[in-house]
Amino acid sequence: MKTTPWKLFDGGRQRIRVKYGIDYEFGRRHNQQPHFSATCEIEEKRHNWHESGGGADHDAIAEHFPELEPYLKWHLVSLGEPIHYIENGRYWWEAAMGKTKPHTDRVDPRDAFKSTIVFGGIPGETMPYTNDWQDVEKWLRARLPKLMGHFASDMKTLGVLE
């Protein structure tokens, strides 16, 4: 994993740094495939620096480290596929179609579906327009090799593959 230097903002009253890369260690510890992770630490200056935010705050990361923005879509994509690609895709697709009620109302199910399947990870792709999950699942499986090709290319460009 790589860590950026601290970057001051808010007139020097706050600072942010980002830890990003393929999390091989987490995968080893939890018997999972390694995955891409991009998280931040945000601290506020009082007498000393104190934690004031962070995690997967991709809006803050993109704002202060715009060079990382193109890679944030890959957060939680493992070396094989996006984590729970089909299962989470189906969950959010069914919520978006009104077939089930999502566990939260703080997220638009359509946006969550797109994020889960990394829609836009293949330049120029279009979403299938169907109400049939089997058609959507076939589309997801068919696009996966090309999606993962773009993931691997971006990870090599970012310099984070072992």
C-alpha atoms as a PDB file:
ATOM      1  CA  MET A   1       0.000   0.000   0.000  1.00  0.00           C
ATOM      2  CA  LYS A   2       1.140   3.532  -0.741  1.00  0.00           C
ATOM      3  CA  THR A   3       0.554   6.574   1.432  1.00  0.00           C
ATOM      4  CA  THR A   4       0.572  10.129   0.145  1.00  0.00           C
ATOM      5  CA  PRO A   5       2.200  12.937   2.090  1.00  0.00           C
ATOM      6  CA  TRP A   6      -0.098  15.035   4.262  1.00  0.00           C
ATOM      7  CA  LYS A   7      -1.761  17.891   2.377  1.00  0.00           C
ATOM      8  CA  LEU A   8      -2.992  20.931   4.309  1.00  0.00           C
ATOM      9  CA  PHE A   9      -6.346  22.549   3.571  1.00  0.00           C
ATOM     10  CA  ASP A  10      -8.900  24.842   5.206  1.00  0.00           C
ATOM     11  CA  GLY A  11      -6.243  27.492   5.773  1.00  0.00           C
ATOM     12  CA  GLY A  12      -3.899  24.949   7.353  1.00  0.00           C
ATOM     13  CA  ARG A  13      -6.425  23.952  10.028  1.00  0.00           C
ATOM     14  CA  GLN A  14      -6.923  20.494   8.514  1.00  0.00           C
ATOM     15  CA  ARG A  15      -4.819  17.952   6.709  1.00  0.00           C
ATOM     16  CA  ILE A  16      -5.476  14.841   4.659  1.00  0.00           C
ATOM     17  CA  ARG A  17      -3.467  11.898   3.400  1.00  0.00           C
ATOM     18  CA  VAL A  18      -4.500   8.869   1.373  1.00  0.00           C
ATOM     19  CA  LYS A  19      -3.564   5.219   1.667  1.00  0.00           C
ATOM     20  CA  TYR A  20      -4.174   3.367  -1.579  1.00  0.00           C
ATOM     21  CA  GLY A  21      -3.197   0.237  -3.419  1.00  0.00           C
ATOM     22  CA  ILE A  22      -3.839  -3.467  -3.584  1.00  0.00           C
ATOM     23  CA  ASP A  23      -4.397  -4.646  -0.022  1.00  0.00           C
ATOM     24  CA  TYR A  24      -2.514  -7.931  -0.120  1.00  0.00           C
ATOM     25  CA  GLU A  25      -2.114  -8.057   3.665  1.00  0.00           C
ATOM     26  CA  PHE A  26      -5.853  -7.821   4.360  1.00  0.00           C
ATOM     27  CA  GLY A  27      -6.431 -10.596   1.833  1.00  0.00           C
ATOM     28  CA  ARG A  28      -3.843 -12.818   3.508  1.00  0.00           C
ATOM     29  CA  ARG A  29      -5.213 -12.190   6.999  1.00  0.00           C
ATOM     30  CA  HIS A  30      -8.816 -12.896   5.977  1.00  0.00           C
ATOM     31  CA  ASN A  31      -8.249 -15.647   3.398  1.00  0.00           C
ATOM     32  CA  GLN A  32      -9.634 -13.404   0.645  1.00  0.00           C
ATOM     33  CA  GLN A  33      -8.432 -12.190  -2.682  1.00  0.00           C
ATOM     34  CA  PRO A  34      -6.467  -8.955  -2.401  1.00  0.00           C
ATOM     35  CA  HIS A  35      -8.453  -5.890  -3.465  1.00  0.00           C
ATOM     36  CA  PHE A  36      -7.874  -2.268  -4.356  1.00  0.00           C
ATOM     37  CA  SER A  37      -8.507   0.144  -1.516  1.00  0.00           C
ATOM     38  CA  ALA A  38      -8.372   3.938  -1.356  1.00  0.00           C
ATOM     39  CA  THR A  39      -9.033   5.479   2.052  1.00  0.00           C
ATOM     40  CA  CYS A  40      -8.028   8.694   3.737  1.00  0.00           C
ATOM     41  CA  GLU A  41      -7.199  10.123   7.113  1.00  0.00           C
ATOM     42  CA  ILE A  42      -8.340  13.656   7.907  1.00  0.00           C
ATOM     43  CA  GLU A  43      -7.034  15.487  10.950  1.00  0.00           C
ATOM     44  CA  GLU A  44      -7.857  18.845  12.493  1.00  0.00           C
ATOM     45  CA  LYS A  45      -5.333  21.106  14.201  1.00  0.00           C
ATOM     46  CA  ARG A  46      -6.190  22.043  17.760  1.00  0.00           C
ATOM     47  CA  HIS A  47      -3.157  22.109  20.029  1.00  0.00           C
ATOM     48  CA  ASN A  48      -2.075  18.921  18.282  1.00  0.00           C
ATOM     49  CA  TRP A  49      -3.478  17.053  15.302  1.00  0.00           C
ATOM     50  CA  HIS A  50      -6.691  15.106  16.043  1.00  0.00           C
ATOM     51  CA  GLU A  51      -8.603  12.718  13.809  1.00  0.00           C
ATOM     52  CA  SER A  52     -11.670  14.399  12.335  1.00  0.00           C
ATOM     53  CA  GLY A  53     -12.710  12.136   9.463  1.00  0.00           C
ATOM     54  CA  GLY A  54     -11.596   9.779   6.788  1.00  0.00           C
ATOM     55  CA  GLY A  55     -12.287   6.300   5.533  1.00  0.00           C
ATOM     56  CA  ALA A  56     -13.566   5.837   2.012  1.00  0.00           C
ATOM     57  CA  ASP A  57     -14.382   9.543   1.643  1.00  0.00           C
ATOM     58  CA  HIS A  58     -13.802   9.541  -2.093  1.00  0.00           C
ATOM     59  CA  ASP A  59     -15.172  13.054  -2.533  1.00  0.00           C
ATOM     60  CA  ALA A  60     -12.472  14.420  -0.214  1.00  0.00           C
ATOM     61  CA  ILE A  61      -9.802  12.261  -1.846  1.00  0.00           C
ATOM     62  CA  ALA A  62     -10.778  13.479  -5.332  1.00  0.00           C
ATOM     63  CA  GLU A  63     -10.868  17.091  -4.169  1.00  0.00           C
ATOM     64  CA  HIS A  64      -7.420  17.095  -2.579  1.00  0.00           C
ATOM     65  CA  PHE A  65      -5.705  14.431  -4.707  1.00  0.00           C
ATOM     66  CA  PRO A  66      -7.278  14.811  -8.175  1.00  0.00           C
ATOM     67  CA  GLU A  67      -4.584  12.585  -9.662  1.00  0.00           C
ATOM     68  CA  LEU A  68      -6.167   9.645  -7.764  1.00  0.00           C
ATOM     69  CA  GLU A  69      -9.749  10.387  -8.851  1.00  0.00           C
ATOM     70  CA  PRO A  70      -9.696   8.147 -11.973  1.00  0.00           C
ATOM     71  CA  TYR A  71      -8.823   5.146  -9.794  1.00  0.00           C
ATOM     72  CA  LEU A  72     -11.413   5.590  -7.033  1.00  0.00           C
ATOM     73  CA  LYS A  73     -14.067   3.678  -8.982  1.00  0.00           C
ATOM     74  CA  TRP A  74     -11.970   0.539  -8.405  1.00  0.00           C
ATOM     75  CA  HIS A  75     -12.324   0.683  -4.592  1.00  0.00           C
ATOM     76  CA  LEU A  76     -13.084  -2.863  -3.337  1.00  0.00           C
ATOM     77  CA  VAL A  77     -12.358  -4.558  -6.649  1.00  0.00           C
ATOM     78  CA  SER A  78     -10.389  -7.732  -6.033  1.00  0.00           C
ATOM     79  CA  LEU A  79      -7.887  -9.222  -8.438  1.00  0.00           C
ATOM     80  CA  GLY A  80     -10.670 -11.509  -9.730  1.00  0.00           C
ATOM     81  CA  GLU A  81     -13.760  -9.299  -9.804  1.00  0.00           C
ATOM     82  CA  PRO A  82     -15.521  -6.552  -7.909  1.00  0.00           C
ATOM     83  CA  ILE A  83     -16.263  -7.882  -4.422  1.00  0.00           C
ATOM     84  CA  HIS A  84     -19.600  -9.772  -4.461  1.00  0.00           C
ATOM     85  CA  TYR A  85     -20.061  -8.630  -8.069  1.00  0.00           C
ATOM     86  CA  ILE A  86     -23.122 -10.713  -8.961  1.00  0.00           C
ATOM     87  CA  GLU A  87     -24.687 -10.896  -5.487  1.00  0.00           C
ATOM     88  CA  ASN A  88     -24.458  -7.181  -4.692  1.00  0.00           C
ATOM     89  CA  GLY A  89     -25.323  -6.313  -8.277  1.00  0.00           C
ATOM     90  CA  ARG A  90     -28.536  -8.312  -7.985  1.00  0.00           C
ATOM     91  CA  TYR A  91     -29.373  -6.778  -4.606  1.00  0.00           C
ATOM     92  CA  TRP A  92     -29.092  -3.212  -5.905  1.00  0.00           C
ATOM     93  CA  TRP A  93     -30.675  -4.017  -9.294  1.00  0.00           C
ATOM     94  CA  GLU A  94     -33.738  -5.498  -7.553  1.00  0.00           C
ATOM     95  CA  ALA A  95     -33.963  -2.407  -5.313  1.00  0.00           C
ATOM     96  CA  ALA A  96     -33.614  -0.116  -8.345  1.00  0.00           C
ATOM     97  CA  MET A  97     -36.383  -2.020 -10.123  1.00  0.00           C
ATOM     98  CA  GLY A  98     -38.631  -1.721  -7.045  1.00  0.00           C
ATOM     99  CA  LYS A  99     -38.678  -5.492  -6.536  1.00  0.00           C
ATOM    100  CA  THR A 100     -37.210  -5.212  -3.010  1.00  0.00           C
ATOM    101  CA  LYS A 101     -36.709  -2.472  -0.453  1.00  0.00           C
ATOM    102  CA  PRO A 102     -33.042  -1.601   0.177  1.00  0.00           C
ATOM    103  CA  HIS A 103     -31.652  -1.704   3.710  1.00  0.00           C
ATOM    104  CA  THR A 104     -31.085   2.057   3.609  1.00  0.00           C
ATOM    105  CA  ASP A 105     -32.764   5.044   2.041  1.00  0.00           C
ATOM    106  CA  ARG A 106     -29.570   7.140   2.122  1.00  0.00           C
ATOM    107  CA  VAL A 107     -28.392   5.677  -1.196  1.00  0.00           C
ATOM    108  CA  ASP A 108     -30.053   5.773  -4.597  1.00  0.00           C
ATOM    109  CA  PRO A 109     -30.289   2.093  -5.611  1.00  0.00           C
ATOM    110  CA  ARG A 110     -29.444   2.927  -9.243  1.00  0.00           C
ATOM    111  CA  ASP A 111     -26.261   4.709  -8.157  1.00  0.00           C
ATOM    112  CA  ALA A 112     -25.402   1.833  -5.797  1.00  0.00           C
ATOM    113  CA  PHE A 113     -25.913  -0.680  -8.630  1.00  0.00           C
ATOM    114  CA  LYS A 114     -23.608   1.286 -10.914  1.00  0.00           C
ATOM    115  CA  SER A 115     -20.976   1.614  -8.197  1.00  0.00           C
ATOM    116  CA  THR A 116     -21.170  -2.080  -7.291  1.00  0.00           C
ATOM    117  CA  ILE A 117     -20.605  -3.222 -10.870  1.00  0.00           C
ATOM    118  CA  VAL A 118     -18.091  -0.416 -11.599  1.00  0.00           C
ATOM    119  CA  PHE A 119     -20.231   0.918 -14.419  1.00  0.00           C
ATOM    120  CA  GLY A 120     -18.045   3.210 -16.496  1.00  0.00           C
ATOM    121  CA  GLY A 121     -14.999   1.025 -15.885  1.00  0.00           C
ATOM    122  CA  ILE A 122     -15.261   0.106 -19.574  1.00  0.00           C
ATOM    123  CA  PRO A 123     -15.190   3.312 -21.612  1.00  0.00           C
ATOM    124  CA  GLY A 124     -18.268   3.820 -23.776  1.00  0.00           C
ATOM    125  CA  GLU A 125     -20.291   0.977 -22.299  1.00  0.00           C
ATOM    126  CA  THR A 126     -24.067   1.198 -22.121  1.00  0.00           C
ATOM    127  CA  MET A 127     -26.442  -0.208 -19.547  1.00  0.00           C
ATOM    128  CA  PRO A 128     -28.839  -2.916 -20.715  1.00  0.00           C
ATOM    129  CA  TYR A 129     -32.471  -1.872 -20.539  1.00  0.00           C
ATOM    130  CA  THR A 130     -34.383  -4.865 -19.296  1.00  0.00           C
ATOM    131  CA  ASN A 131     -36.530  -5.911 -16.363  1.00  0.00           C
ATOM    132  CA  ASP A 132     -35.228  -9.479 -16.493  1.00  0.00           C
ATOM    133  CA  TRP A 133     -32.465 -10.270 -13.973  1.00  0.00           C
ATOM    134  CA  GLN A 134     -31.233 -13.191 -16.089  1.00  0.00           C
ATOM    135  CA  ASP A 135     -30.472 -10.786 -18.945  1.00  0.00           C
ATOM    136  CA  VAL A 136     -28.657  -8.434 -16.576  1.00  0.00           C
ATOM    137  CA  GLU A 137     -26.651 -11.294 -15.066  1.00  0.00           C
ATOM    138  CA  LYS A 138     -25.617 -12.499 -18.549  1.00  0.00           C
ATOM    139  CA  TRP A 139     -24.499  -8.954 -19.382  1.00  0.00           C
ATOM    140  CA  LEU A 140     -22.536  -8.706 -16.102  1.00  0.00           C
ATOM    141  CA  ARG A 141     -20.746 -12.000 -16.714  1.00  0.00           C
ATOM    142  CA  ALA A 142     -19.997 -11.129 -20.353  1.00  0.00           C
ATOM    143  CA  ARG A 143     -18.467  -7.740 -19.474  1.00  0.00           C
ATOM    144  CA  LEU A 144     -16.360  -9.025 -16.564  1.00  0.00           C
ATOM    145  CA  PRO A 145     -13.205 -10.015 -18.526  1.00  0.00           C
ATOM    146  CA  LYS A 146     -13.061  -6.640 -20.266  1.00  0.00           C
ATOM    147  CA  LEU A 147     -13.773  -4.817 -16.980  1.00  0.00           C
ATOM    148  CA  MET A 148     -10.948  -6.653 -15.249  1.00  0.00           C
ATOM    149  CA  GLY A 149      -8.635  -5.863 -18.156  1.00  0.00           C
ATOM    150  CA  HIS A 150      -9.265  -2.155 -17.573  1.00  0.00           C
ATOM    151  CA  PHE A 151      -8.768  -2.664 -13.828  1.00  0.00           C
ATOM    152  CA  ALA A 152      -5.398  -4.369 -14.371  1.00  0.00           C
ATOM    153  CA  SER A 153      -4.309  -1.645 -16.785  1.00  0.00           C
ATOM    154  CA  ASP A 154      -5.232   1.106 -14.318  1.00  0.00           C
ATOM    155  CA  MET A 155      -3.513  -0.680 -11.420  1.00  0.00           C
ATOM    156  CA  LYS A 156      -0.328  -1.030 -13.488  1.00  0.00           C
ATOM    157  CA  THR A 157      -0.492   2.666 -14.406  1.00  0.00           C
ATOM    158  CA  LEU A 158      -0.939   3.501 -10.721  1.00  0.00           C
ATOM    159  CA  GLY A 159       2.000   1.231  -9.895  1.00  0.00           C
ATOM    160  CA  VAL A 160       0.281  -0.859  -7.231  1.00  0.00           C
ATOM    161  CA  LEU A 161       0.359  -4.433  -8.558  1.00  0.00           C
ATOM    162  CA  GLU A 162       2.957  -6.754  -6.954  1.00  0.00           C
END
